[in-house]
Protein backbone atom coordinates (compact mmCIF):
# COMPACT_ATOMS: atom_id res chain seq x y z
CA UNK A 1 -56.93 19.38 -44.54
CA UNK A 2 -58.32 22.53 -45.98
CA UNK A 3 -56.72 25.75 -46.39
CA UNK A 4 -58.95 29.12 -46.65
CA UNK A 5 -58.80 32.80 -47.21
CA UNK A 6 -55.75 32.52 -49.37
CA UNK A 7 -54.52 35.28 -50.74
CA UNK A 8 -51.39 35.89 -52.89
CA UNK A 9 -49.54 39.31 -52.64
CA UNK A 10 -45.93 38.41 -54.76
CA UNK A 11 -46.21 34.84 -57.40
CA UNK A 12 -42.54 35.45 -57.97
CA UNK A 13 -41.09 33.40 -55.03
CA UNK A 14 -37.56 32.60 -54.42
CA UNK A 15 -36.25 29.53 -53.60
CA UNK A 16 -38.20 27.55 -50.22
CA UNK A 17 -34.53 27.62 -48.51
CA UNK A 18 -35.22 31.61 -48.74
CA UNK A 19 -38.75 31.00 -47.45
CA UNK A 20 -40.63 30.69 -44.02
CA UNK A 21 -44.01 30.75 -42.17
CA UNK A 22 -44.67 32.34 -39.45
CA UNK A 23 -48.58 31.18 -37.57
CA UNK A 24 -50.49 32.07 -34.81
CA UNK A 25 -54.19 31.91 -33.21
CA UNK A 26 -54.28 35.61 -34.03
CA UNK A 27 -53.84 38.57 -36.68
CA UNK A 28 -50.07 38.32 -37.22
CA UNK A 29 -49.95 40.11 -40.57
CA UNK A 30 -49.29 43.73 -39.01
CA UNK A 31 -45.98 42.33 -37.45
CA UNK A 32 -44.26 41.95 -40.85
CA UNK A 33 -43.62 44.53 -43.90
CA UNK A 34 -46.22 44.01 -46.62
CA UNK A 35 -43.23 43.57 -48.99
CA UNK A 36 -42.24 40.57 -46.97
CA UNK A 37 -45.23 38.76 -47.22
CA UNK A 38 -45.57 36.40 -50.55
CA UNK A 39 -49.18 34.90 -48.97
CA UNK A 40 -51.48 34.72 -46.47
CA UNK A 41 -54.39 31.78 -45.58
CA UNK A 42 -56.20 30.31 -42.70
CA UNK A 43 -56.34 26.86 -41.40
CA UNK A 44 -58.81 25.96 -38.46
CA UNK A 45 -57.88 28.85 -36.33
CA UNK A 46 -54.28 29.24 -37.56
CA UNK A 47 -53.33 32.37 -39.80
CA UNK A 48 -50.13 31.75 -41.65
CA UNK A 49 -48.01 33.97 -43.28
CA UNK A 50 -45.82 33.10 -46.36
CA UNK A 51 -42.60 35.30 -45.83
CA UNK A 52 -38.88 36.30 -46.50
CA UNK A 53 -36.80 34.51 -44.45
CA UNK A 54 -34.07 37.36 -44.44
CA UNK A 55 -36.79 39.46 -43.33
CA UNK A 56 -38.74 37.65 -40.74
CA UNK A 57 -35.12 36.92 -39.02
CA UNK A 58 -34.90 40.39 -38.33
CA UNK A 59 -38.21 40.32 -36.01
CA UNK A 60 -36.89 37.00 -33.73
CA UNK A 61 -37.40 38.79 -30.43
CA UNK A 62 -40.73 40.37 -31.39
CA UNK A 63 -42.59 37.38 -32.83
CA UNK A 64 -40.79 35.27 -29.62
CA UNK A 65 -42.34 37.88 -27.38
CA UNK A 66 -46.13 37.46 -29.35
CA UNK A 67 -45.66 33.74 -29.01
CA UNK A 68 -45.69 33.61 -32.97
CA UNK A 69 -44.09 30.12 -34.19
CA UNK A 70 -41.72 30.63 -37.37
CA UNK A 71 -41.11 27.55 -39.50
CA UNK A 72 -38.13 26.55 -42.04
CA UNK A 73 -39.41 25.42 -45.32
CA UNK A 74 -36.20 23.73 -46.70
CA UNK A 75 -37.20 20.24 -46.21
CA UNK A 76 -40.68 21.02 -46.56
CA UNK A 77 -42.62 17.51 -47.60
CA UNK A 78 -45.03 16.88 -51.15
CA UNK A 79 -48.07 16.32 -49.36
CA UNK A 80 -49.82 15.71 -52.99
CA UNK A 81 -47.65 12.18 -52.57
CA UNK A 82 -48.02 9.53 -50.25
CA UNK A 83 -46.01 10.20 -46.84
CA UNK A 84 -46.03 8.95 -43.53
CA UNK A 85 -45.66 10.80 -39.99
CA UNK A 86 -44.06 9.72 -37.17
CA UNK A 87 -44.83 10.53 -33.56
CA UNK A 88 -43.10 10.13 -30.11
CA UNK A 89 -46.56 9.69 -27.70
CA UNK A 90 -45.30 11.07 -24.20
CA UNK A 91 -45.54 15.08 -24.11
CA UNK A 92 -45.89 14.93 -27.78
CA UNK A 93 -49.62 12.98 -28.82
CA UNK A 94 -50.15 13.41 -25.08
CA UNK A 95 -49.89 15.58 -22.37
CA UNK A 96 -47.75 13.72 -19.80
CA UNK A 97 -44.97 11.88 -18.75
CA UNK A 98 -46.70 8.21 -18.59
CA UNK A 99 -44.12 6.57 -16.22
CA UNK A 100 -44.01 9.83 -14.41
CA UNK A 101 -48.12 9.60 -13.87
CA UNK A 102 -47.51 5.08 -13.07
CA UNK A 103 -45.00 6.56 -9.98
CA UNK A 104 -46.93 9.02 -8.45
CA UNK A 105 -49.57 6.37 -7.43
CA UNK A 106 -46.11 4.15 -6.79
CA UNK A 107 -44.89 6.36 -4.17
CA UNK A 108 -42.18 7.09 -5.84
CA UNK A 109 -43.33 10.26 -8.33
CA UNK A 110 -40.15 12.87 -7.09
CA UNK A 111 -37.50 10.46 -7.79
CA UNK A 112 -38.85 9.14 -10.85
CA UNK A 113 -39.72 12.54 -12.73
CA UNK A 114 -35.86 13.75 -12.41
CA UNK A 115 -34.82 11.12 -13.67
CA UNK A 116 -36.70 11.75 -16.84
CA UNK A 117 -36.38 15.04 -16.84
CA UNK A 118 -32.66 14.75 -17.27
CA UNK A 119 -33.06 11.75 -19.83
CA UNK A 120 -35.68 14.19 -21.88
CA UNK A 121 -32.70 16.65 -21.85
CA UNK A 122 -30.44 14.18 -23.33
CA UNK A 123 -28.22 14.19 -19.94
CA UNK A 124 -28.31 10.12 -19.46
CA UNK A 125 -28.65 7.39 -21.59
CA UNK A 126 -32.61 6.82 -22.11
CA UNK A 127 -31.68 2.69 -22.04
CA UNK A 128 -30.60 2.57 -18.52
CA UNK A 129 -32.46 5.81 -17.32
CA UNK A 130 -35.55 4.00 -18.27
CA UNK A 131 -34.43 0.56 -16.82
CA UNK A 132 -33.88 2.44 -13.54
CA UNK A 133 -36.99 4.02 -13.83
CA UNK A 134 -39.07 0.60 -13.92
CA UNK A 135 -37.15 -0.94 -11.20
CA UNK A 136 -38.65 1.78 -8.77
CA UNK A 137 -42.22 0.06 -9.79
CA UNK A 138 -41.59 -3.15 -8.39
CA UNK A 139 -44.04 -4.40 -6.16
CA UNK A 140 -46.55 -1.78 -7.81
CA UNK A 141 -50.22 -3.08 -8.25
CA UNK A 142 -50.85 -3.25 -12.12
CA UNK A 143 -53.78 -1.50 -11.21
CA UNK A 144 -52.36 1.78 -11.31
CA UNK A 145 -51.52 1.58 -14.80
CA UNK A 146 -55.41 1.79 -15.89
CA UNK A 147 -55.80 4.58 -13.34
CA UNK A 148 -53.27 6.41 -15.43
CA UNK A 149 -55.04 4.92 -18.86
CA UNK A 150 -58.66 6.29 -18.18
CA UNK A 151 -57.50 9.76 -17.65
CA UNK A 152 -54.60 9.83 -20.74
CA UNK A 153 -54.83 13.52 -21.58
CA UNK A 154 -55.07 13.72 -25.33
CA UNK A 155 -52.43 16.76 -26.89
CA UNK A 156 -54.60 19.32 -28.08
CA UNK A 157 -55.08 19.45 -31.38
CA UNK A 158 -53.83 15.93 -31.95
CA UNK A 159 -57.06 15.18 -33.79
CA UNK A 160 -57.14 17.53 -35.93
CA UNK A 161 -53.58 16.78 -37.32
CA UNK A 162 -54.06 12.86 -37.51
CA UNK A 163 -57.01 13.65 -39.38
CA UNK A 164 -55.68 16.21 -41.09
CA UNK A 165 -53.14 13.65 -42.29
CA UNK A 166 -54.97 10.79 -42.77
CA UNK A 167 -57.17 13.20 -45.30
CA UNK A 168 -54.40 13.46 -47.47
CA UNK A 169 -53.31 9.67 -47.38
CA UNK A 170 -50.76 9.94 -44.97
CA UNK A 171 -49.94 6.98 -42.32
CA UNK A 172 -49.53 7.81 -39.27
CA UNK A 173 -47.92 6.32 -36.30
CA UNK A 174 -46.28 6.48 -33.02
CA UNK A 175 -42.48 4.91 -31.47
CA UNK A 176 -42.34 5.51 -27.49
CA UNK A 177 -40.13 4.35 -24.86
CA UNK A 178 -43.05 4.69 -23.27
CA UNK A 179 -45.64 1.77 -22.48
CA UNK A 180 -48.03 -0.63 -24.96
CA UNK A 181 -50.56 -0.68 -21.99
CA UNK A 182 -51.02 3.15 -23.22
CA UNK A 183 -49.79 3.51 -27.09
CA UNK A 184 -52.10 0.48 -27.63
CA UNK A 185 -55.19 2.61 -26.23
CA UNK A 186 -54.08 5.65 -27.84
CA UNK A 187 -53.16 3.82 -31.47
CA UNK A 188 -57.13 2.20 -31.12
CA UNK A 189 -58.74 6.20 -30.07
CA UNK A 190 -56.77 8.33 -32.54
CA UNK A 191 -57.06 5.89 -35.60
CA UNK A 192 -53.09 5.50 -35.99
CA UNK A 193 -51.56 2.66 -38.22
CA UNK A 194 -49.12 1.65 -36.31
CA UNK A 195 -47.51 1.96 -32.71
CA UNK A 196 -44.68 0.28 -31.05
CA UNK A 197 -43.59 0.81 -27.33
CA UNK A 198 -42.56 -1.08 -24.08
CA UNK A 199 -43.95 -4.06 -22.71
CA UNK A 200 -43.84 -3.66 -18.88
CA UNK A 201 -43.44 -6.81 -17.24
CA UNK A 202 -46.28 -7.87 -15.03
CA UNK A 203 -46.70 -11.00 -12.89
CA UNK A 204 -49.87 -12.05 -10.52
CA UNK A 205 -51.34 -9.17 -11.10
CA UNK A 206 -47.68 -6.99 -9.73
CA UNK A 207 -45.27 -4.73 -11.69
CA UNK A 208 -41.91 -6.35 -11.56
CA UNK A 209 -39.44 -3.61 -12.33
CA UNK A 210 -39.00 -4.84 -15.48
CA UNK A 211 -39.17 -4.15 -19.25
CA UNK A 212 -40.09 -7.56 -21.23
CA UNK A 213 -37.77 -7.68 -24.49
CA UNK A 214 -35.36 -4.67 -25.47
CA UNK A 215 -36.29 -1.20 -24.93
CA UNK A 216 -37.54 1.38 -27.58
CA UNK A 217 -34.67 3.24 -28.02
CA UNK A 218 -33.64 6.03 -30.49
CA UNK A 219 -32.10 3.88 -32.48
CA UNK A 220 -35.76 1.85 -32.64
CA UNK A 221 -37.72 4.68 -33.33
CA UNK A 222 -35.73 5.75 -36.28
CA UNK A 223 -35.82 1.98 -37.53
CA UNK A 224 -39.80 2.05 -37.29
CA UNK A 225 -39.60 4.68 -39.91
CA UNK A 226 -37.29 3.21 -42.45
CA UNK A 227 -39.55 0.32 -41.86
CA UNK A 228 -42.60 2.00 -42.46
CA UNK A 229 -41.45 3.61 -45.66
CA UNK A 230 -40.06 0.64 -46.83
CA UNK A 231 -43.54 -0.87 -46.32
CA UNK A 232 -45.64 1.88 -48.12
CA UNK A 233 -42.79 2.74 -50.44
CA UNK A 234 -42.51 6.19 -49.10
CA UNK A 235 -39.60 8.37 -50.27
CA UNK A 236 -37.72 9.95 -47.21
CA UNK A 237 -38.36 13.43 -48.43
CA UNK A 238 -42.18 12.68 -47.55
CA UNK A 239 -41.84 11.28 -44.07
CA UNK A 240 -41.98 13.53 -40.81
CA UNK A 241 -40.84 12.75 -37.26
CA UNK A 242 -42.39 15.28 -34.49
CA UNK A 243 -41.15 14.46 -30.73
CA UNK A 244 -40.25 16.69 -27.49
CA UNK A 245 -37.28 14.89 -26.36
CA UNK A 246 -33.19 14.29 -27.05
CA UNK A 247 -34.42 10.34 -27.53
CA UNK A 248 -36.18 12.11 -30.42
CA UNK A 249 -33.69 13.35 -32.46
CA UNK A 250 -32.61 10.20 -34.43
CA UNK A 251 -35.50 9.75 -35.42
CA UNK A 252 -36.29 13.35 -36.66
CA UNK A 253 -32.73 12.63 -38.68
CA UNK A 254 -33.80 9.80 -40.44
CA UNK A 255 -36.69 11.81 -41.38
CA UNK A 256 -37.23 14.13 -44.53
CA UNK A 257 -38.52 16.90 -42.03
CA UNK A 258 -38.12 16.67 -38.16
CA UNK A 259 -40.28 18.84 -35.99
CA UNK A 260 -39.48 19.19 -32.37
CA UNK A 261 -42.51 19.97 -30.83
CA UNK A 262 -42.75 22.06 -27.52
CA UNK A 263 -39.13 20.53 -27.00
CA UNK A 264 -36.23 20.81 -24.73
CA UNK A 265 -33.70 23.11 -25.87
CA UNK A 266 -31.51 20.87 -27.32
CA UNK A 267 -33.95 19.23 -29.35
CA UNK A 268 -35.13 22.60 -30.91
CA UNK A 269 -31.69 23.56 -31.49
CA UNK A 270 -31.01 20.39 -33.89
CA UNK A 271 -34.34 19.62 -35.22
CA UNK A 272 -34.87 21.52 -39.31
CA UNK A 273 -38.14 23.06 -37.46
CA UNK A 274 -40.01 23.75 -34.36
CA UNK A 275 -43.73 24.48 -33.03
CA UNK A 276 -42.63 26.41 -29.86
CA UNK A 277 -45.96 28.24 -28.97
CA UNK A 278 -48.85 26.51 -31.21
CA UNK A 279 -50.64 23.80 -30.63
CA UNK A 280 -50.07 20.13 -32.92
CA UNK A 281 -52.44 22.02 -35.63
CA UNK A 282 -49.14 23.60 -35.88
CA UNK A 283 -47.60 21.09 -37.66
CA UNK A 284 -50.21 20.97 -40.25
CA UNK A 285 -49.80 24.72 -40.61
CA UNK A 286 -46.09 24.19 -41.65
CA UNK A 287 -47.32 21.38 -44.11
CA UNK A 288 -49.62 23.34 -45.57
CA UNK A 289 -46.95 25.70 -47.18
CA UNK A 290 -46.65 22.45 -49.23
CA UNK A 291 -49.66 23.29 -50.90
CA UNK A 292 -49.75 26.62 -50.93
CA UNK A 293 -46.47 26.85 -53.12
CA UNK A 294 -47.79 24.47 -55.73
CA UNK A 295 -50.86 26.40 -56.36
CA UNK A 296 -48.72 29.97 -56.63
CA UNK A 297 -46.19 28.06 -58.94
CA UNK A 298 -49.43 26.83 -60.97
């Protein structure tokens, strides 16, 4: 992860609780009073500002109008030390909800996508809703899985984010309520260290409408994060969880930093910070503040 063009305007930093960063793929300096800016820098195509939290909060509506992200730094990891990042898959590392795409090919698209949306909003129990949706796939040929996999759209800047994390020596993993057919492929494509998701039961080339074993639930995702931290000897404060749905909230609470990515309103409200407008590189923007603050304090 390479920070460039760092310009420090004020070396007298308040506590991190009193700081935020703003970031976007355009010049945003003119939106803020010069006195509220402590530093500016670039990361890839992003312009990033380190700001006084109170003064930045006065511009919330204007920043939203201009699609500028603001992120709290209260729980910022120390990226100079080893860490682990755990991601949701559907609508986070990839652009789609796999089960919705499978359902379309199986001829039950509308009824399944409606249940998916309600589950992601937190209106339905995730495990029950997943079994209900998978049940509607009974009798469909397993060849439809490959039709979805070959067109699997990786989220914009996923490679940038994962390569950046790995350059820091971090471990990168995914835990998903989706399916192994796709998560195993994504693990290989993106070079992830670990992946866990659900396995669809297939018999004689046909989906049975069942999931093998226990469903990867919200609690399972949190357990995966704990297991990875224990395995690699990483402090909770240096763990990050990124997701978009209500079933990602427990995982985020288990992390030192939980990031809601293009998430449902309930998730944005409860997560420690959020990326609303930027691509996945926005997560790197947040983490880069750790390096910048350390440089300023030297």
